[in-house]
C-alpha cells in the first residue's frame, strides 16, 4: 500500500480523558495538499483521511480504501452439495411430519 501523508495537518495528544486529540491545520500547506489531491475526492465531495496512532504519536494519511462490491451469490452457488427445497420436499412427501 502506497501511503500519502497529509501535509498541513498536525495531530497532538491531549491530556483530557474526553478529548481524543488536538488538530492544528496550517492553512497554506493544507490548501496546497488538497489541490494536489483533487483526484482523490470521493462521490460525497470529500477527501478521506485516516488518523492513526504509532509509538511516536498520531499521524494522518490519505485513505484510499475502496469497498469491493461483491456479486450476488445464489443458494446453489453457496451450497452446491445441497438439493433445492422443492426436490427435497418431493422426495420426503411420504413422511408423516
Protein backbone atom coordinates (compact mmCIF):
# COMPACT_ATOMS: atom_id res chain seq x y z
CA UNK A 1 0.00 0.00 0.00
CA UNK A 2 1.42 3.35 -1.05
CA UNK A 3 0.94 5.87 1.77
CA UNK A 4 0.25 9.52 1.06
CA UNK A 5 0.89 11.67 4.10
CA UNK A 6 -1.35 14.67 4.72
CA UNK A 7 0.60 17.93 4.64
CA UNK A 8 -0.60 20.79 6.80
CA UNK A 9 -2.32 18.63 9.41
CA UNK A 10 -0.66 18.31 12.83
CA UNK A 11 -2.11 15.97 15.45
CA UNK A 12 -1.24 16.18 19.13
CA UNK A 13 -2.03 14.15 22.22
CA UNK A 14 -4.36 15.75 24.74
CA UNK A 15 -4.26 15.05 28.47
CA UNK A 16 -8.05 15.29 28.92
CA UNK A 17 -9.85 11.93 29.10
CA UNK A 18 -12.74 13.12 26.97
CA UNK A 19 -10.59 14.57 24.16
CA UNK A 20 -9.07 12.14 21.67
CA UNK A 21 -6.51 14.52 20.17
CA UNK A 22 -5.86 18.10 19.12
CA UNK A 23 -5.51 19.01 15.45
CA UNK A 24 -3.79 22.09 14.09
CA UNK A 25 -4.11 22.97 10.41
CA UNK A 26 -1.55 25.03 8.53
CA UNK A 27 -3.94 26.63 6.04
CA UNK A 28 -1.41 27.24 3.25
CA UNK A 29 0.03 23.70 3.40
CA UNK A 30 -3.43 22.13 3.65
CA UNK A 31 -4.83 24.09 0.70
CA UNK A 32 -1.81 23.09 -1.40
CA UNK A 33 -2.23 19.43 -0.35
CA UNK A 34 -5.95 19.46 -1.16
CA UNK A 35 -5.28 20.94 -4.60
CA UNK A 36 -2.62 18.27 -5.25
CA UNK A 37 -5.06 15.51 -4.22
CA UNK A 38 -8.18 16.59 -6.10
CA UNK A 39 -8.16 13.23 -7.89
CA UNK A 40 -8.94 11.54 -4.56
CA UNK A 41 -12.22 13.39 -3.98
CA UNK A 42 -14.95 10.79 -3.43
CA UNK A 43 -18.60 10.84 -4.57
CA UNK A 44 -19.53 12.87 -1.48
CA UNK A 45 -17.07 15.62 -2.39
CA UNK A 46 -14.57 14.87 0.39
CA UNK A 47 -11.04 13.51 0.60
CA UNK A 48 -10.92 10.62 3.10
CA UNK A 49 -8.14 10.94 5.67
CA UNK A 50 -7.15 8.35 8.27
CA UNK A 51 -5.76 9.37 11.65
CA UNK A 52 -3.56 6.59 13.03
CA UNK A 53 -1.50 6.16 16.18
CA UNK A 54 2.04 4.86 16.40
CA UNK A 55 4.59 4.61 19.21
CA UNK A 56 5.74 8.14 18.34
CA UNK A 57 2.24 9.65 18.34
CA UNK A 58 -0.54 10.35 15.85
CA UNK A 59 -0.17 10.76 12.10
CA UNK A 60 -2.50 11.33 9.18
CA UNK A 61 -2.60 9.80 5.72
CA UNK A 62 -4.83 9.65 2.69
CA UNK A 63 -7.35 6.80 2.96
CA UNK A 64 -7.50 5.10 -0.44
CA UNK A 65 -9.52 2.06 0.68
CA UNK A 66 -12.45 1.23 -1.58
CA UNK A 67 -15.18 -1.22 -0.66
CA UNK A 68 -15.26 -4.04 -3.17
CA UNK A 69 -18.82 -4.67 -4.27
CA UNK A 70 -19.38 -8.39 -4.47
CA UNK A 71 -21.74 -10.01 -6.92
CA UNK A 72 -24.88 -11.67 -5.61
CA UNK A 73 -24.47 -15.36 -4.79
CA UNK A 74 -27.37 -17.77 -5.21
CA UNK A 75 -28.13 -20.58 -2.76
CA UNK A 76 -26.99 -23.26 -5.21
CA UNK A 77 -23.67 -21.43 -5.70
CA UNK A 78 -23.17 -21.01 -1.96
CA UNK A 79 -24.06 -24.61 -1.04
CA UNK A 80 -23.69 -26.69 -4.23
CA UNK A 81 -23.90 -30.01 -2.35
CA UNK A 82 -27.45 -29.34 -1.09
CA UNK A 83 -30.51 -30.12 -3.12
CA UNK A 84 -33.19 -27.45 -3.60
CA UNK A 85 -36.16 -27.39 -1.20
CA UNK A 86 -38.64 -28.37 -3.93
CA UNK A 87 -36.68 -31.58 -4.72
CA UNK A 88 -36.23 -32.39 -1.03
CA UNK A 89 -39.99 -31.93 -0.35
CA UNK A 90 -40.94 -34.13 -3.32
CA UNK A 91 -38.68 -36.95 -2.06
CA UNK A 92 -39.92 -36.70 1.54
CA UNK A 93 -43.66 -36.36 0.77
CA UNK A 94 -44.48 -39.70 2.36
CA UNK A 95 -43.18 -38.66 5.78
CA UNK A 96 -45.87 -38.27 8.47
CA UNK A 97 -44.46 -34.96 9.75
